[in-house]
């Protein structure tokens, strides 16, 4: 359980001290990718707490979800519709659901 949290903290520290900027054109795609990545990590923590974690499912879900959400944002961008918001809402709601389930597991222990 400590490994995903450790990786997140290391990533936040590296990101805070690295002078790296994202062009505005890619902001939609990056926001979708970040929300999807957070949802996948929280889902992995939830599965670990429920003792049903499978690294193959985790990694495949991580890659496939990011590709699918980014593709949805790309298609919406080409059509002139903000479809990235659909991915943000869908994965954002899953993210908060996973966080609430993790919280319940922590409180029960």
C-alpha atoms as a PDB file:
ATOM      1  CA  UNK A   1       0.000   0.000   0.000  1.00  0.00           C
ATOM      2  CA  UNK A   2       2.883   2.353   0.675  1.00  0.00           C
ATOM      3  CA  UNK A   3       4.333   2.031  -2.856  1.00  0.00           C
ATOM      4  CA  UNK A   4       1.614   3.976  -4.759  1.00  0.00           C
ATOM      5  CA  UNK A   5       1.608   6.710  -2.129  1.00  0.00           C
ATOM      6  CA  UNK A   6       5.415   6.873  -2.201  1.00  0.00           C
ATOM      7  CA  UNK A   7       5.374   7.101  -6.022  1.00  0.00           C
ATOM      8  CA  UNK A   8       2.775   9.865  -5.906  1.00  0.00           C
ATOM      9  CA  UNK A   9       4.820  11.865  -3.398  1.00  0.00           C
ATOM     10  CA  UNK A  10       8.021  11.458  -5.424  1.00  0.00           C
ATOM     11  CA  UNK A  11       6.184  12.542  -8.571  1.00  0.00           C
ATOM     12  CA  UNK A  12       4.750  15.609  -6.838  1.00  0.00           C
ATOM     13  CA  UNK A  13       8.167  16.607  -5.487  1.00  0.00           C
ATOM     14  CA  UNK A  14       9.839  16.167  -8.880  1.00  0.00           C
ATOM     15  CA  UNK A  15       7.034  18.084 -10.584  1.00  0.00           C
ATOM     16  CA  UNK A  16       7.212  20.950  -8.095  1.00  0.00           C
ATOM     17  CA  UNK A  17      10.933  21.513  -8.602  1.00  0.00           C
ATOM     18  CA  UNK A  18      11.254  20.816 -12.334  1.00  0.00           C
ATOM     19  CA  UNK A  19      10.929  23.829 -14.666  1.00  0.00           C
ATOM     20  CA  UNK A  20       8.546  22.217 -17.140  1.00  0.00           C
ATOM     21  CA  UNK A  21       5.682  23.916 -18.947  1.00  0.00           C
ATOM     22  CA  UNK A  22       2.868  22.415 -20.982  1.00  0.00           C
ATOM     23  CA  UNK A  23       1.637  24.270 -24.069  1.00  0.00           C
ATOM     24  CA  UNK A  24      -1.943  25.500 -23.790  1.00  0.00           C
ATOM     25  CA  UNK A  25      -2.996  23.323 -26.739  1.00  0.00           C
ATOM     26  CA  UNK A  26      -2.296  20.195 -24.685  1.00  0.00           C
ATOM     27  CA  UNK A  27      -3.897  21.346 -21.422  1.00  0.00           C
ATOM     28  CA  UNK A  28      -7.146  19.454 -22.097  1.00  0.00           C
ATOM     29  CA  UNK A  29      -5.316  16.218 -22.803  1.00  0.00           C
ATOM     30  CA  UNK A  30      -3.099  16.558 -19.752  1.00  0.00           C
ATOM     31  CA  UNK A  31      -6.034  17.288 -17.462  1.00  0.00           C
ATOM     32  CA  UNK A  32      -7.829  14.191 -18.720  1.00  0.00           C
ATOM     33  CA  UNK A  33      -4.700  12.065 -18.335  1.00  0.00           C
ATOM     34  CA  UNK A  34      -4.114  13.272 -14.773  1.00  0.00           C
ATOM     35  CA  UNK A  35      -7.694  12.563 -13.665  1.00  0.00           C
ATOM     36  CA  UNK A  36      -7.619   9.122 -15.298  1.00  0.00           C
ATOM     37  CA  UNK A  37      -4.248   8.326 -13.703  1.00  0.00           C
ATOM     38  CA  UNK A  38      -5.478   9.390 -10.263  1.00  0.00           C
ATOM     39  CA  UNK A  39      -8.634   7.306 -10.721  1.00  0.00           C
ATOM     40  CA  UNK A  40      -6.561   4.269 -11.645  1.00  0.00           C
ATOM     41  CA  UNK A  41      -4.201   4.698  -8.694  1.00  0.00           C
ATOM     42  CA  UNK A  42      -7.102   5.087  -6.266  1.00  0.00           C
ATOM     43  CA  UNK A  43      -8.757   2.034  -7.811  1.00  0.00           C
ATOM     44  CA  UNK A  44      -5.526   0.113  -7.271  1.00  0.00           C
ATOM     45  CA  UNK A  45      -5.366   1.177  -3.627  1.00  0.00           C
ATOM     46  CA  UNK A  46      -9.005   0.168  -3.205  1.00  0.00           C
ATOM     47  CA  UNK A  47      -8.350  -3.240  -4.784  1.00  0.00           C
ATOM     48  CA  UNK A  48      -5.323  -3.721  -2.531  1.00  0.00           C
ATOM     49  CA  UNK A  49      -7.410  -2.995   0.546  1.00  0.00           C
ATOM     50  CA  UNK A  50     -10.062  -5.437  -0.663  1.00  0.00           C
ATOM     51  CA  UNK A  51      -7.266  -7.979  -1.309  1.00  0.00           C
ATOM     52  CA  UNK A  52      -8.181  -8.311  -4.994  1.00  0.00           C
ATOM     53  CA  UNK A  53      -5.298  -6.354  -6.551  1.00  0.00           C
ATOM     54  CA  UNK A  54      -3.941  -7.696  -9.842  1.00  0.00           C
ATOM     55  CA  UNK A  55      -0.999  -5.873 -11.400  1.00  0.00           C
ATOM     56  CA  UNK A  56      -1.987  -6.914 -14.942  1.00  0.00           C
ATOM     57  CA  UNK A  57      -5.468  -5.475 -14.521  1.00  0.00           C
ATOM     58  CA  UNK A  58      -3.998  -2.334 -12.943  1.00  0.00           C
ATOM     59  CA  UNK A  59      -1.452  -1.666 -15.690  1.00  0.00           C
ATOM     60  CA  UNK A  60      -3.801  -2.513 -18.555  1.00  0.00           C
ATOM     61  CA  UNK A  61      -6.536  -0.349 -17.039  1.00  0.00           C
ATOM     62  CA  UNK A  62      -4.080   2.498 -16.592  1.00  0.00           C
ATOM     63  CA  UNK A  63      -2.942   2.434 -20.225  1.00  0.00           C
ATOM     64  CA  UNK A  64      -6.309   1.697 -21.837  1.00  0.00           C
ATOM     65  CA  UNK A  65      -8.186   4.310 -19.782  1.00  0.00           C
ATOM     66  CA  UNK A  66      -5.657   7.041 -20.568  1.00  0.00           C
ATOM     67  CA  UNK A  67      -5.691   6.202 -24.283  1.00  0.00           C
ATOM     68  CA  UNK A  68      -9.497   6.041 -24.417  1.00  0.00           C
ATOM     69  CA  UNK A  69      -9.990   9.298 -22.521  1.00  0.00           C
ATOM     70  CA  UNK A  70      -7.328  11.100 -24.558  1.00  0.00           C
ATOM     71  CA  UNK A  71      -8.844   9.794 -27.780  1.00  0.00           C
ATOM     72  CA  UNK A  72     -12.255  11.045 -26.660  1.00  0.00           C
ATOM     73  CA  UNK A  73     -10.764  14.467 -25.935  1.00  0.00           C
ATOM     74  CA  UNK A  74      -8.977  14.481 -29.296  1.00  0.00           C
ATOM     75  CA  UNK A  75     -12.108  13.545 -31.264  1.00  0.00           C
ATOM     76  CA  UNK A  76     -14.119  16.149 -29.401  1.00  0.00           C
ATOM     77  CA  UNK A  77     -11.454  18.752 -30.100  1.00  0.00           C
ATOM     78  CA  UNK A  78     -11.572  17.968 -33.820  1.00  0.00           C
ATOM     79  CA  UNK A  79     -15.382  18.186 -33.833  1.00  0.00           C
ATOM     80  CA  UNK A  80     -15.363  21.442 -31.892  1.00  0.00           C
ATOM     81  CA  UNK A  81     -17.142  19.898 -28.894  1.00  0.00           C
ATOM     82  CA  UNK A  82     -15.689  19.765 -25.396  1.00  0.00           C
ATOM     83  CA  UNK A  83     -15.915  15.969 -25.021  1.00  0.00           C
ATOM     84  CA  UNK A  84     -12.984  16.009 -22.624  1.00  0.00           C
ATOM     85  CA  UNK A  85     -15.457  17.225 -20.017  1.00  0.00           C
ATOM     86  CA  UNK A  86     -17.342  13.925 -20.318  1.00  0.00           C
ATOM     87  CA  UNK A  87     -14.168  12.029 -19.466  1.00  0.00           C
ATOM     88  CA  UNK A  88     -13.398  14.403 -16.585  1.00  0.00           C
ATOM     89  CA  UNK A  89     -16.899  13.953 -15.138  1.00  0.00           C
ATOM     90  CA  UNK A  90     -16.932  10.160 -15.579  1.00  0.00           C
ATOM     91  CA  UNK A  91     -13.473   9.509 -14.188  1.00  0.00           C
ATOM     92  CA  UNK A  92     -13.831  12.247 -11.577  1.00  0.00           C
ATOM     93  CA  UNK A  93     -16.939  10.607 -10.168  1.00  0.00           C
ATOM     94  CA  UNK A  94     -15.158   7.231 -10.099  1.00  0.00           C
ATOM     95  CA  UNK A  95     -12.196   8.893  -8.391  1.00  0.00           C
ATOM     96  CA  UNK A  96     -14.360  10.281  -5.595  1.00  0.00           C
ATOM     97  CA  UNK A  97     -16.199   6.973  -5.262  1.00  0.00           C
ATOM     98  CA  UNK A  98     -12.889   5.121  -4.879  1.00  0.00           C
ATOM     99  CA  UNK A  99     -11.669   7.672  -2.344  1.00  0.00           C
ATOM    100  CA  UNK A 100     -14.834   7.279  -0.276  1.00  0.00           C
ATOM    101  CA  UNK A 101     -14.493   3.478  -0.285  1.00  0.00           C
ATOM    102  CA  UNK A 102     -10.816   3.756   0.714  1.00  0.00           C
ATOM    103  CA  UNK A 103     -11.816   6.103   3.517  1.00  0.00           C
ATOM    104  CA  UNK A 104     -14.403   3.602   4.776  1.00  0.00           C
ATOM    105  CA  UNK A 105     -11.791   0.807   4.770  1.00  0.00           C
ATOM    106  CA  UNK A 106      -9.368   2.974   6.737  1.00  0.00           C
ATOM    107  CA  UNK A 107     -12.005   3.976   9.267  1.00  0.00           C
ATOM    108  CA  UNK A 108     -13.112   0.363   9.808  1.00  0.00           C
ATOM    109  CA  UNK A 109      -9.516  -0.725  10.528  1.00  0.00           C
END
